[in-house]
Amino acid sequence: MKKIALYGFSLFFIAAGIAHFTLESFFLTGMPDWTPFPLAIIYLSGVIEILLAIGLLVKKTRRMTGILTAIFLVLIFPVNIYMALTPENFSLPAYVLWLRLPLQFLFIWWVLKVSKYD
């Protein structure tokens, strides 16, 4: 079960990383106006997500990558808050954007749990 949870999280993060390149307009609307170089940040965060997912799959780097992934999820949390506060910018219902907030804590727990897997 732990292996499935690990692969599931990694697959989820790879898909999220790829989405930064295929759904860039969605991510652009999630960036506050004051964000410098928003497209570069979107692409960079997509690359980071893919690299973190790969790092989780490597036994030698799994634990440290889990910690780095949790830190990354904390760092992007303000963007999720911004999106929840500006639902008019998105084609998603406002409640979906608000539900993402507690899900972020679930993802942090999930990655810390699966990164302990040997």
PDB file of N, CA and C in Angstrom:
ATOM      1  N   MET A   1       0.832  -1.205   0.000  1.00  0.00           N
ATOM      2  CA  MET A   1       0.000   0.000   0.000  1.00  0.00           C
ATOM      3  C   MET A   1       0.872   1.262   0.000  1.00  0.00           C
ATOM      4  N   LYS A   2       1.978   1.210   0.755  1.00  0.00           N
ATOM      5  CA  LYS A   2       2.868   2.378   0.797  1.00  0.00           C
ATOM      6  C   LYS A   2       3.473   2.670  -0.568  1.00  0.00           C
ATOM      7  N   LYS A   3       3.792   1.608  -1.300  1.00  0.00           N
ATOM      8  CA  LYS A   3       4.371   1.788  -2.630  1.00  0.00           C
ATOM      9  C   LYS A   3       3.353   2.441  -3.568  1.00  0.00           C
ATOM     10  N   ILE A   4       2.108   2.027  -3.471  1.00  0.00           N
ATOM     11  CA  ILE A   4       1.046   2.621  -4.297  1.00  0.00           C
ATOM     12  C   ILE A   4       0.869   4.096  -3.946  1.00  0.00           C
ATOM     13  N   ALA A   5       0.893   4.419  -2.652  1.00  0.00           N
ATOM     14  CA  ALA A   5       0.747   5.812  -2.213  1.00  0.00           C
ATOM     15  C   ALA A   5       1.920   6.662  -2.711  1.00  0.00           C
ATOM     16  N   LEU A   6       3.119   6.081  -2.679  1.00  0.00           N
ATOM     17  CA  LEU A   6       4.304   6.783  -3.169  1.00  0.00           C
ATOM     18  C   LEU A   6       4.195   7.044  -4.666  1.00  0.00           C
ATOM     19  N   TYR A   7       3.889   6.010  -5.429  1.00  0.00           N
ATOM     20  CA  TYR A   7       3.766   6.170  -6.878  1.00  0.00           C
ATOM     21  C   TYR A   7       2.598   7.087  -7.239  1.00  0.00           C
ATOM     22  N   GLY A   8       1.520   6.991  -6.474  1.00  0.00           N
ATOM     23  CA  GLY A   8       0.373   7.863  -6.716  1.00  0.00           C
ATOM     24  C   GLY A   8       0.718   9.325  -6.528  1.00  0.00           C
ATOM     25  N   PHE A   9       1.426   9.631  -5.439  1.00  0.00           N
ATOM     26  CA  PHE A   9       1.807  11.021  -5.200  1.00  0.00           C
ATOM     27  C   PHE A   9       2.754  11.502  -6.294  1.00  0.00           C
ATOM     28  N   SER A  10       3.739  10.669  -6.640  1.00  0.00           N
ATOM     29  CA  SER A  10       4.702  11.064  -7.675  1.00  0.00           C
ATOM     30  C   SER A  10       4.014  11.303  -9.014  1.00  0.00           C
ATOM     31  N   LEU A  11       3.095  10.428  -9.369  1.00  0.00           N
ATOM     32  CA  LEU A  11       2.355  10.590 -10.617  1.00  0.00           C
ATOM     33  C   LEU A  11       1.534  11.881 -10.595  1.00  0.00           C
ATOM     34  N   PHE A  12       0.887  12.134  -9.460  1.00  0.00           N
ATOM     35  CA  PHE A  12       0.114  13.361  -9.287  1.00  0.00           C
ATOM     36  C   PHE A  12       1.011  14.591  -9.477  1.00  0.00           C
ATOM     37  N   PHE A  13       2.200  14.565  -8.894  1.00  0.00           N
ATOM     38  CA  PHE A  13       3.099  15.717  -8.981  1.00  0.00           C
ATOM     39  C   PHE A  13       3.679  15.876 -10.390  1.00  0.00           C
ATOM     40  N   ILE A  14       3.955  14.770 -11.060  1.00  0.00           N
ATOM     41  CA  ILE A  14       4.421  14.864 -12.447  1.00  0.00           C
ATOM     42  C   ILE A  14       3.323  15.471 -13.319  1.00  0.00           C
ATOM     43  N   ALA A  15       2.092  15.011 -13.135  1.00  0.00           N
ATOM     44  CA  ALA A  15       0.966  15.559 -13.906  1.00  0.00           C
ATOM     45  C   ALA A  15       0.784  17.044 -13.616  1.00  0.00           C
ATOM     46  N   ALA A  16       0.913  17.431 -12.350  1.00  0.00           N
ATOM     47  CA  ALA A  16       0.788  18.849 -11.990  1.00  0.00           C
ATOM     48  C   ALA A  16       1.903  19.663 -12.634  1.00  0.00           C
ATOM     49  N   GLY A  17       3.107  19.113 -12.649  1.00  0.00           N
ATOM     50  CA  GLY A  17       4.232  19.808 -13.273  1.00  0.00           C
ATOM     51  C   GLY A  17       4.020  19.993 -14.766  1.00  0.00           C
ATOM     52  N   ILE A  18       3.566  18.950 -15.433  1.00  0.00           N
ATOM     53  CA  ILE A  18       3.289  19.041 -16.874  1.00  0.00           C
ATOM     54  C   ILE A  18       2.178  20.054 -17.139  1.00  0.00           C
ATOM     55  N   ALA A  19       1.202  20.103 -16.255  1.00  0.00           N
ATOM     56  CA  ALA A  19       0.094  21.055 -16.420  1.00  0.00           C
ATOM     57  C   ALA A  19       0.579  22.503 -16.436  1.00  0.00           C
ATOM     58  N   HIS A  20       1.701  22.787 -15.779  1.00  0.00           N
ATOM     59  CA  HIS A  20       2.241  24.150 -15.796  1.00  0.00           C
ATOM     60  C   HIS A  20       2.636  24.577 -17.215  1.00  0.00           C
ATOM     61  N   PHE A  21       2.899  23.594 -18.071  1.00  0.00           N
ATOM     62  CA  PHE A  21       3.273  23.891 -19.448  1.00  0.00           C
ATOM     63  C   PHE A  21       2.078  23.798 -20.398  1.00  0.00           C
ATOM     64  N   THR A  22       1.115  22.971 -20.081  1.00  0.00           N
ATOM     65  CA  THR A  22      -0.026  22.773 -20.986  1.00  0.00           C
ATOM     66  C   THR A  22      -1.224  23.652 -20.633  1.00  0.00           C
ATOM     67  N   LEU A  23      -1.295  24.093 -19.391  1.00  0.00           N
ATOM     68  CA  LEU A  23      -2.405  24.953 -18.942  1.00  0.00           C
ATOM     69  C   LEU A  23      -1.868  26.268 -18.378  1.00  0.00           C
ATOM     70  N   GLU A  24      -0.876  26.800 -19.035  1.00  0.00           N
ATOM     71  CA  GLU A  24      -0.210  27.995 -18.513  1.00  0.00           C
ATOM     72  C   GLU A  24      -1.160  29.168 -18.310  1.00  0.00           C
ATOM     73  N   SER A  25      -2.178  29.301 -19.146  1.00  0.00           N
ATOM     74  CA  SER A  25      -3.113  30.425 -18.987  1.00  0.00           C
ATOM     75  C   SER A  25      -3.878  30.308 -17.669  1.00  0.00           C
ATOM     76  N   PHE A  26      -4.234  29.081 -17.263  1.00  0.00           N
ATOM     77  CA  PHE A  26      -4.896  28.881 -15.977  1.00  0.00           C
ATOM     78  C   PHE A  26      -3.984  29.332 -14.838  1.00  0.00           C
ATOM     79  N   PHE A  27      -2.732  28.933 -14.897  1.00  0.00           N
ATOM     80  CA  PHE A  27      -1.798  29.285 -13.839  1.00  0.00           C
ATOM     81  C   PHE A  27      -1.488  30.784 -13.848  1.00  0.00           C
ATOM     82  N   LEU A  28      -1.469  31.382 -15.027  1.00  0.00           N
ATOM     83  CA  LEU A  28      -1.233  32.830 -15.109  1.00  0.00           C
ATOM     84  C   LEU A  28      -2.325  33.612 -14.393  1.00  0.00           C
ATOM     85  N   THR A  29      -3.582  33.176 -14.522  1.00  0.00           N
ATOM     86  CA  THR A  29      -4.657  33.894 -13.838  1.00  0.00           C
ATOM     87  C   THR A  29      -4.570  33.720 -12.325  1.00  0.00           C
ATOM     88  N   GLY A  30      -3.845  32.723 -11.871  1.00  0.00           N
ATOM     89  CA  GLY A  30      -3.678  32.507 -10.434  1.00  0.00           C
ATOM     90  C   GLY A  30      -2.574  33.333  -9.819  1.00  0.00           C
ATOM     91  N   MET A  31      -1.832  34.038 -10.640  1.00  0.00           N
ATOM     92  CA  MET A  31      -0.720  34.843 -10.127  1.00  0.00           C
ATOM     93  C   MET A  31      -1.191  36.268  -9.848  1.00  0.00           C
ATOM     94  N   PRO A  32      -0.878  36.770  -8.664  1.00  0.00           N
ATOM     95  CA  PRO A  32      -1.216  38.172  -8.370  1.00  0.00           C
ATOM     96  C   PRO A  32      -0.547  39.112  -9.372  1.00  0.00           C
ATOM     97  N   ASP A  33      -1.158  40.260  -9.604  1.00  0.00           N
ATOM     98  CA  ASP A  33      -0.636  41.224 -10.582  1.00  0.00           C
ATOM     99  C   ASP A  33       0.774  41.696 -10.258  1.00  0.00           C
ATOM    100  N   TRP A  34       1.124  41.717  -8.994  1.00  0.00           N
ATOM    101  CA  TRP A  34       2.424  42.229  -8.586  1.00  0.00           C
ATOM    102  C   TRP A  34       3.549  41.200  -8.727  1.00  0.00           C
ATOM    103  N   THR A  35       3.233  39.995  -9.198  1.00  0.00           N
ATOM    104  CA  THR A  35       4.239  38.944  -9.334  1.00  0.00           C
ATOM    105  C   THR A  35       5.168  39.256 -10.506  1.00  0.00           C
ATOM    106  N   PRO A  36       6.484  39.334 -10.231  1.00  0.00           N
ATOM    107  CA  PRO A  36       7.420  39.565 -11.336  1.00  0.00           C
ATOM    108  C   PRO A  36       7.634  38.274 -12.140  1.00  0.00           C
ATOM    109  N   PHE A  37       7.744  38.404 -13.447  1.00  0.00           N
ATOM    110  CA  PHE A  37       8.023  37.271 -14.339  1.00  0.00           C
ATOM    111  C   PHE A  37       7.102  36.077 -14.090  1.00  0.00           C
ATOM    112  N   PRO A  38       5.790  36.282 -14.134  1.00  0.00           N
ATOM    113  CA  PRO A  38       4.861  35.204 -13.770  1.00  0.00           C
ATOM    114  C   PRO A  38       4.996  33.948 -14.633  1.00  0.00           C
ATOM    115  N   LEU A  39       5.204  34.112 -15.931  1.00  0.00           N
ATOM    116  CA  LEU A  39       5.312  32.935 -16.791  1.00  0.00           C
ATOM    117  C   LEU A  39       6.572  32.131 -16.457  1.00  0.00           C
ATOM    118  N   ALA A  40       7.662  32.821 -16.197  1.00  0.00           N
ATOM    119  CA  ALA A  40       8.895  32.126 -15.816  1.00  0.00           C
ATOM    120  C   ALA A  40       8.700  31.378 -14.498  1.00  0.00           C
ATOM    121  N   ILE A  41       7.992  31.970 -13.567  1.00  0.00           N
ATOM    122  CA  ILE A  41       7.732  31.318 -12.280  1.00  0.00           C
ATOM    123  C   ILE A  41       6.855  30.081 -12.481  1.00  0.00           C
ATOM    124  N   ILE A  42       5.883  30.185 -13.372  1.00  0.00           N
ATOM    125  CA  ILE A  42       5.006  29.045 -13.657  1.00  0.00           C
ATOM    126  C   ILE A  42       5.811  27.895 -14.250  1.00  0.00           C
ATOM    127  N   TYR A  43       6.650  28.199 -15.226  1.00  0.00           N
ATOM    128  CA  TYR A  43       7.464  27.143 -15.835  1.00  0.00           C
ATOM    129  C   TYR A  43       8.454  26.563 -14.820  1.00  0.00           C
ATOM    130  N   LEU A  44       9.091  27.421 -14.052  1.00  0.00           N
ATOM    131  CA  LEU A  44      10.054  26.954 -13.052  1.00  0.00           C
ATOM    132  C   LEU A  44       9.387  26.057 -12.015  1.00  0.00           C
ATOM    133  N   SER A  45       8.214  26.451 -11.554  1.00  0.00           N
ATOM    134  CA  SER A  45       7.523  25.623 -10.561  1.00  0.00           C
ATOM    135  C   SER A  45       7.085  24.294 -11.169  1.00  0.00           C
ATOM    136  N   GLY A  46       6.760  24.282 -12.454  1.00  0.00           N
ATOM    137  CA  GLY A  46       6.436  23.022 -13.133  1.00  0.00           C
ATOM    138  C   GLY A  46       7.639  22.091 -13.185  1.00  0.00           C
ATOM    139  N   VAL A  47       8.795  22.647 -13.518  1.00  0.00           N
ATOM    140  CA  VAL A  47      10.027  21.849 -13.542  1.00  0.00           C
ATOM    141  C   VAL A  47      10.343  21.334 -12.140  1.00  0.00           C
ATOM    142  N   ILE A  48      10.188  22.192 -11.137  1.00  0.00           N
ATOM    143  CA  ILE A  48      10.444  21.781  -9.754  1.00  0.00           C
ATOM    144  C   ILE A  48       9.533  20.627  -9.357  1.00  0.00           C
ATOM    145  N   GLU A  49       8.260  20.715  -9.698  1.00  0.00           N
ATOM    146  CA  GLU A  49       7.324  19.638  -9.349  1.00  0.00           C
ATOM    147  C   GLU A  49       7.728  18.315  -9.996  1.00  0.00           C
ATOM    148  N   ILE A  50       8.145  18.361 -11.242  1.00  0.00           N
ATOM    149  CA  ILE A  50       8.561  17.140 -11.931  1.00  0.00           C
ATOM    150  C   ILE A  50       9.826  16.569 -11.281  1.00  0.00           C
ATOM    151  N   LEU A  51      10.793  17.431 -10.981  1.00  0.00           N
ATOM    152  CA  LEU A  51      12.034  16.966 -10.348  1.00  0.00           C
ATOM    153  C   LEU A  51      11.775  16.397  -8.955  1.00  0.00           C
ATOM    154  N   LEU A  52      10.888  17.039  -8.207  1.00  0.00           N
ATOM    155  CA  LEU A  52      10.553  16.513  -6.880  1.00  0.00           C
ATOM    156  C   LEU A  52       9.893  15.143  -6.985  1.00  0.00           C
ATOM    157  N   ALA A  53       9.011  14.983  -7.956  1.00  0.00           N
ATOM    158  CA  ALA A  53       8.345  13.691  -8.150  1.00  0.00           C
ATOM    159  C   ALA A  53       9.362  12.600  -8.469  1.00  0.00           C
ATOM    160  N   ILE A  54      10.314  12.913  -9.316  1.00  0.00           N
ATOM    161  CA  ILE A  54      11.354  11.942  -9.660  1.00  0.00           C
ATOM    162  C   ILE A  54      12.218  11.640  -8.439  1.00  0.00           C
ATOM    163  N   GLY A  55      12.568  12.682  -7.678  1.00  0.00           N
ATOM    164  CA  GLY A  55      13.368  12.488  -6.468  1.00  0.00           C
ATOM    165  C   GLY A  55      12.689  11.588  -5.453  1.00  0.00           C
ATOM    166  N   LEU A  56      11.373  11.625  -5.393  1.00  0.00           N
ATOM    167  CA  LEU A  56      10.634  10.747  -4.484  1.00  0.00           C
ATOM    168  C   LEU A  56      10.729   9.282  -4.896  1.00  0.00           C
ATOM    169  N   LEU A  57      10.916   9.038  -6.172  1.00  0.00           N
ATOM    170  CA  LEU A  57      10.976   7.671  -6.667  1.00  0.00           C
ATOM    171  C   LEU A  57      12.343   7.019  -6.450  1.00  0.00           C
ATOM    172  N   VAL A  58      13.352   7.844  -6.168  1.00  0.00           N
ATOM    173  CA  VAL A  58      14.702   7.336  -5.940  1.00  0.00           C
ATOM    174  C   VAL A  58      14.891   7.121  -4.446  1.00  0.00           C
ATOM    175  N   LYS A  59      15.133   5.875  -4.064  1.00  0.00           N
ATOM    176  CA  LYS A  59      15.216   5.521  -2.640  1.00  0.00           C
ATOM    177  C   LYS A  59      16.245   6.374  -1.890  1.00  0.00           C
ATOM    178  N   LYS A  60      17.374   6.627  -2.508  1.00  0.00           N
ATOM    179  CA  LYS A  60      18.461   7.367  -1.856  1.00  0.00           C
ATOM    180  C   LYS A  60      18.089   8.826  -1.559  1.00  0.00           C
ATOM    181  N   THR A  61      17.234   9.413  -2.384  1.00  0.00           N
ATOM    182  CA  THR A  61      16.878  10.831  -2.215  1.00  0.00           C
ATOM    183  C   THR A  61      15.465  11.032  -1.670  1.00  0.00           C
ATOM    184  N   ARG A  62      14.752   9.952  -1.432  1.00  0.00           N
ATOM    185  CA  ARG A  62      13.325  10.023  -1.093  1.00  0.00           C
ATOM    186  C   ARG A  62      13.047  10.863   0.151  1.00  0.00           C
ATOM    187  N   ARG A  63      13.757  10.615   1.235  1.00  0.00           N
ATOM    188  CA  ARG A  63      13.463  11.319   2.495  1.00  0.00           C
ATOM    189  C   ARG A  63      13.684  12.824   2.359  1.00  0.00           C
ATOM    190  N   MET A  64      14.835  13.220   1.825  1.00  0.00           N
ATOM    191  CA  MET A  64      15.124  14.650   1.664  1.00  0.00           C
ATOM    192  C   MET A  64      14.164  15.287   0.667  1.00  0.00           C
ATOM    193  N   THR A  65      13.848  14.579  -0.401  1.00  0.00           N
ATOM    194  CA  THR A  65      12.903  15.102  -1.386  1.00  0.00           C
ATOM    195  C   THR A  65      11.517  15.273  -0.780  1.00  0.00           C
ATOM    196  N   GLY A  66      11.117  14.383   0.117  1.00  0.00           N
ATOM    197  CA  GLY A  66       9.832  14.526   0.795  1.00  0.00           C
ATOM    198  C   GLY A  66       9.767  15.811   1.608  1.00  0.00           C
ATOM    199  N   ILE A  67      10.847  16.095   2.309  1.00  0.00           N
ATOM    200  CA  ILE A  67      10.914  17.330   3.102  1.00  0.00           C
ATOM    201  C   ILE A  67      10.884  18.549   2.182  1.00  0.00           C
ATOM    202  N   LEU A  68      11.657  18.499   1.103  1.00  0.00           N
ATOM    203  CA  LEU A  68      11.676  19.622   0.152  1.00  0.00           C
ATOM    204  C   LEU A  68      10.316  19.819  -0.509  1.00  0.00           C
ATOM    205  N   THR A  69       9.625  18.725  -0.784  1.00  0.00           N
ATOM    206  CA  THR A  69       8.295  18.818  -1.382  1.00  0.00           C
ATOM    207  C   THR A  69       7.311  19.459  -0.409  1.00  0.00           C
ATOM    208  N   ALA A  70       7.400  19.079   0.868  1.00  0.00           N
ATOM    209  CA  ALA A  70       6.529  19.696   1.882  1.00  0.00           C
ATOM    210  C   ALA A  70       6.799  21.195   1.971  1.00  0.00           C
ATOM    211  N   ILE A  71       8.063  21.588   1.936  1.00  0.00           N
ATOM    212  CA  ILE A  71       8.421  23.012   1.968  1.00  0.00           C
ATOM    213  C   ILE A  71       7.863  23.719   0.730  1.00  0.00           C
ATOM    214  N   PHE A  72       8.004  23.086  -0.420  1.00  0.00           N
ATOM    215  CA  PHE A  72       7.474  23.650  -1.669  1.00  0.00           C
ATOM    216  C   PHE A  72       5.967  23.874  -1.561  1.00  0.00           C
ATOM    217  N   LEU A  73       5.255  22.898  -1.006  1.00  0.00           N
ATOM    218  CA  LEU A  73       3.801  23.022  -0.860  1.00  0.00           C
ATOM    219  C   LEU A  73       3.425  24.165   0.084  1.00  0.00           C
ATOM    220  N   VAL A  74       4.229  24.396   1.109  1.00  0.00           N
ATOM    221  CA  VAL A  74       3.988  25.536   2.005  1.00  0.00           C
ATOM    222  C   VAL A  74       4.242  26.844   1.253  1.00  0.00           C
ATOM    223  N   LEU A  75       5.292  26.882   0.449  1.00  0.00           N
ATOM    224  CA  LEU A  75       5.643  28.109  -0.278  1.00  0.00           C
ATOM    225  C   LEU A  75       4.604  28.504  -1.325  1.00  0.00           C
ATOM    226  N   ILE A  76       3.946  27.516  -1.920  1.00  0.00           N
ATOM    227  CA  ILE A  76       2.939  27.865  -2.942  1.00  0.00           C
ATOM    228  C   ILE A  76       1.543  28.064  -2.346  1.00  0.00           C
ATOM    229  N   PHE A  77       1.400  27.829  -1.064  1.00  0.00           N
ATOM    230  CA  PHE A  77       0.098  27.977  -0.410  1.00  0.00           C
ATOM    231  C   PHE A  77      -0.497  29.383  -0.583  1.00  0.00           C
ATOM    232  N   PRO A  78       0.301  30.462  -0.508  1.00  0.00           N
ATOM    233  CA  PRO A  78      -0.282  31.798  -0.732  1.00  0.00           C
ATOM    234  C   PRO A  78      -0.953  31.960  -2.095  1.00  0.00           C
ATOM    235  N   VAL A  79      -0.469  31.271  -3.109  1.00  0.00           N
ATOM    236  CA  VAL A  79      -1.118  31.332  -4.423  1.00  0.00           C
ATOM    237  C   VAL A  79      -2.506  30.707  -4.343  1.00  0.00           C
ATOM    238  N   ASN A  80      -2.625  29.603  -3.611  1.00  0.00           N
ATOM    239  CA  ASN A  80      -3.937  28.964  -3.446  1.00  0.00           C
ATOM    240  C   ASN A  80      -4.900  29.877  -2.690  1.00  0.00           C
ATOM    241  N   ILE A  81      -4.386  30.590  -1.707  1.00  0.00           N
ATOM    242  CA  ILE A  81      -5.218  31.552  -0.971  1.00  0.00           C
ATOM    243  C   ILE A  81      -5.684  32.661  -1.914  1.00  0.00           C
ATOM    244  N   TYR A  82      -4.748  33.190  -2.691  1.00  0.00           N
ATOM    245  CA  TYR A  82      -5.088  34.238  -3.652  1.00  0.00           C
ATOM    246  C   TYR A  82      -6.175  33.758  -4.626  1.00  0.00           C
ATOM    247  N   MET A  83      -6.031  32.528  -5.101  1.00  0.00           N
ATOM    248  CA  MET A  83      -7.022  31.994  -6.033  1.00  0.00           C
ATOM    249  C   MET A  83      -8.393  31.867  -5.367  1.00  0.00           C
ATOM    250  N   ALA A  84      -8.418  31.434  -4.113  1.00  0.00           N
ATOM    251  CA  ALA A  84      -9.700  31.302  -3.399  1.00  0.00           C
ATOM    252  C   ALA A  84     -10.348  32.666  -3.184  1.00  0.00           C
ATOM    253  N   LEU A  85      -9.524  33.692  -3.019  1.00  0.00           N
ATOM    254  CA  LEU A  85     -10.054  35.044  -2.782  1.00  0.00           C
ATOM    255  C   LEU A  85     -10.471  35.757  -4.069  1.00  0.00           C
ATOM    256  N   THR A  86     -10.051  35.214  -5.207  1.00  0.00           N
ATOM    257  CA  THR A  86     -10.404  35.828  -6.496  1.00  0.00           C
ATOM    258  C   THR A  86     -11.046  34.791  -7.425  1.00  0.00           C
ATOM    259  N   PRO A  87     -12.157  34.189  -7.003  1.00  0.00           N
ATOM    260  CA  PRO A  87     -12.768  33.125  -7.817  1.00  0.00           C
ATOM    261  C   PRO A  87     -13.288  33.616  -9.163  1.00  0.00           C
ATOM    262  N   GLU A  88     -13.521  34.904  -9.279  1.00  0.00           N
ATOM    263  CA  GLU A  88     -14.023  35.440 -10.543  1.00  0.00           C
ATOM    264  C   GLU A  88     -13.014  35.279 -11.682  1.00  0.00           C
ATOM    265  N   ASN A  89     -11.758  35.035 -11.349  1.00  0.00           N
ATOM    266  CA  ASN A  89     -10.722  34.858 -12.370  1.00  0.00           C
ATOM    267  C   ASN A  89     -10.691  33.446 -12.965  1.00  0.00           C
ATOM    268  N   PHE A  90     -11.493  32.553 -12.417  1.00  0.00           N
ATOM    269  CA  PHE A  90     -11.383  31.144 -12.796  1.00  0.00           C
ATOM    270  C   PHE A  90     -12.718  30.575 -13.241  1.00  0.00           C
ATOM    271  N   SER A  91     -12.634  29.527 -14.037  1.00  0.00           N
ATOM    272  CA  SER A  91     -13.857  28.865 -14.495  1.00  0.00           C
ATOM    273  C   SER A  91     -14.318  27.809 -13.493  1.00  0.00           C
ATOM    274  N   LEU A  92     -13.606  27.682 -12.391  1.00  0.00           N
ATOM    275  CA  LEU A  92     -13.986  26.737 -11.333  1.00  0.00           C
ATOM    276  C   LEU A  92     -14.933  27.402 -10.347  1.00  0.00           C
ATOM    277  N   PRO A  93     -15.831  26.645  -9.761  1.00  0.00           N
ATOM    278  CA  PRO A  93     -16.677  27.219  -8.703  1.00  0.00           C
ATOM    279  C   PRO A  93     -15.824  27.649  -7.502  1.00  0.00           C
ATOM    280  N   ALA A  94     -16.261  28.680  -6.827  1.00  0.00           N
ATOM    281  CA  ALA A  94     -15.501  29.212  -5.685  1.00  0.00           C
ATOM    282  C   ALA A  94     -15.258  28.148  -4.626  1.00  0.00           C
ATOM    283  N   TYR A  95     -16.239  27.281  -4.376  1.00  0.00           N
ATOM    284  CA  TYR A  95     -16.057  26.279  -3.322  1.00  0.00           C
ATOM    285  C   TYR A  95     -14.909  25.315  -3.646  1.00  0.00           C
ATOM    286  N   VAL A  96     -14.659  25.065  -4.935  1.00  0.00           N
ATOM    287  CA  VAL A  96     -13.542  24.194  -5.325  1.00  0.00           C
ATOM    288  C   VAL A  96     -12.217  24.855  -4.949  1.00  0.00           C
ATOM    289  N   LEU A  97     -12.124  26.147  -5.191  1.00  0.00           N
ATOM    290  CA  LEU A  97     -10.902  26.870  -4.845  1.00  0.00           C
ATOM    291  C   LEU A  97     -10.684  26.900  -3.333  1.00  0.00           C
ATOM    292  N   TRP A  98     -11.767  26.991  -2.565  1.00  0.00           N
ATOM    293  CA  TRP A  98     -11.654  26.970  -1.105  1.00  0.00           C
ATOM    294  C   TRP A  98     -11.316  25.567  -0.596  1.00  0.00           C
ATOM    295  N   LEU A  99     -11.834  24.539  -1.264  1.00  0.00           N
ATOM    296  CA  LEU A  99     -11.528  23.163  -0.851  1.00  0.00           C
ATOM    297  C   LEU A  99     -10.060  22.810  -1.076  1.00  0.00           C
ATOM    298  N   ARG A 100      -9.432  23.491  -2.012  1.00  0.00           N
ATOM    299  CA  ARG A 100      -8.011  23.248  -2.266  1.00  0.00           C
ATOM    300  C   ARG A 100      -7.146  23.601  -1.064  1.00  0.00           C
ATOM    301  N   LEU A 101      -7.610  24.539  -0.256  1.00  0.00           N
ATOM    302  CA  LEU A 101      -6.775  24.986   0.870  1.00  0.00           C
ATOM    303  C   LEU A 101      -6.509  23.869   1.878  1.00  0.00           C
ATOM    304  N   PRO A 102      -7.532  23.209   2.410  1.00  0.00           N
ATOM    305  CA  PRO A 102      -7.228  22.112   3.335  1.00  0.00           C
ATOM    306  C   PRO A 102      -6.567  20.917   2.638  1.00  0.00           C
ATOM    307  N   LEU A 103      -6.812  20.768   1.343  1.00  0.00           N
ATOM    308  CA  LEU A 103      -6.161  19.686   0.609  1.00  0.00           C
ATOM    309  C   LEU A 103      -4.645  19.842   0.608  1.00  0.00           C
ATOM    310  N   GLN A 104      -4.184  21.081   0.647  1.00  0.00           N
ATOM    311  CA  GLN A 104      -2.738  21.330   0.672  1.00  0.00           C
ATOM    312  C   GLN A 104      -2.107  20.668   1.899  1.00  0.00           C
ATOM    313  N   PHE A 105      -2.799  20.720   3.027  1.00  0.00           N
ATOM    314  CA  PHE A 105      -2.279  20.077   4.240  1.00  0.00           C
ATOM    315  C   PHE A 105      -2.294  18.558   4.097  1.00  0.00           C
ATOM    316  N   LEU A 106      -3.306  18.039   3.415  1.00  0.00           N
ATOM    317  CA  LEU A 106      -3.354  16.608   3.136  1.00  0.00           C
ATOM    318  C   LEU A 106      -2.167  16.195   2.259  1.00  0.00           C
ATOM    319  N   PHE A 107      -1.851  16.999   1.257  1.00  0.00           N
ATOM    320  CA  PHE A 107      -0.714  16.695   0.387  1.00  0.00           C
ATOM    321  C   PHE A 107       0.604  16.723   1.160  1.00  0.00           C
ATOM    322  N   ILE A 108       0.736  17.681   2.077  1.00  0.00           N
ATOM    323  CA  ILE A 108       1.950  17.758   2.897  1.00  0.00           C
ATOM    324  C   ILE A 108       2.071  16.502   3.752  1.00  0.00           C
ATOM    325  N   TRP A 109       0.980  16.097   4.386  1.00  0.00           N
ATOM    326  CA  TRP A 109       0.996  14.878   5.194  1.00  0.00           C
ATOM    327  C   TRP A 109       1.331  13.672   4.325  1.00  0.00           C
ATOM    328  N   TRP A 110       0.687  13.611   3.166  1.00  0.00           N
ATOM    329  CA  TRP A 110       0.871  12.490   2.252  1.00  0.00           C
ATOM    330  C   TRP A 110       2.335  12.337   1.844  1.00  0.00           C
ATOM    331  N   VAL A 111       2.949  13.450   1.410  1.00  0.00           N
ATOM    332  CA  VAL A 111       4.333  13.347   0.933  1.00  0.00           C
ATOM    333  C   VAL A 111       5.295  13.024   2.072  1.00  0.00           C
ATOM    334  N   LEU A 112       5.044  13.551   3.252  1.00  0.00           N
ATOM    335  CA  LEU A 112       5.919  13.226   4.380  1.00  0.00           C
ATOM    336  C   LEU A 112       5.769  11.758   4.761  1.00  0.00           C
ATOM    337  N   LYS A 113       4.571  11.238   4.641  1.00  0.00           N
ATOM    338  CA  LYS A 113       4.318   9.831   4.958  1.00  0.00           C
ATOM    339  C   LYS A 113       4.992   8.908   3.941  1.00  0.00           C
ATOM    340  N   VAL A 114       4.790   9.172   2.662  1.00  0.00           N
ATOM    341  CA  VAL A 114       5.348   8.275   1.636  1.00  0.00           C
ATOM    342  C   VAL A 114       6.865   8.415   1.488  1.00  0.00           C
ATOM    343  N   SER A 115       7.417   9.553   1.897  1.00  0.00           N
ATOM    344  CA  SER A 115       8.866   9.712   1.752  1.00  0.00           C
ATOM    345  C   SER A 115       9.628   8.936   2.829  1.00  0.00           C
ATOM    346  N   LYS A 116       8.927   8.391   3.797  1.00  0.00           N
ATOM    347  CA  LYS A 116       9.556   7.528   4.814  1.00  0.00           C
ATOM    348  C   LYS A 116       9.637   6.084   4.331  1.00  0.00           C
ATOM    349  N   TYR A 117       8.973   5.805   3.210  1.00  0.00           N
ATOM    350  CA  TYR A 117       8.897   4.441   2.681  1.00  0.00           C
ATOM    351  C   TYR A 117      10.253   4.020   2.125  1.00  0.00           C
ATOM    352  N   ASP A 118      10.722   2.855   2.485  1.00  0.00           N
ATOM    353  CA  ASP A 118      11.995   2.339   1.958  1.00  0.00           C
ATOM    354  C   ASP A 118      11.729   1.357   0.898  1.00  0.00           C
TER     355      ASP A 118
END
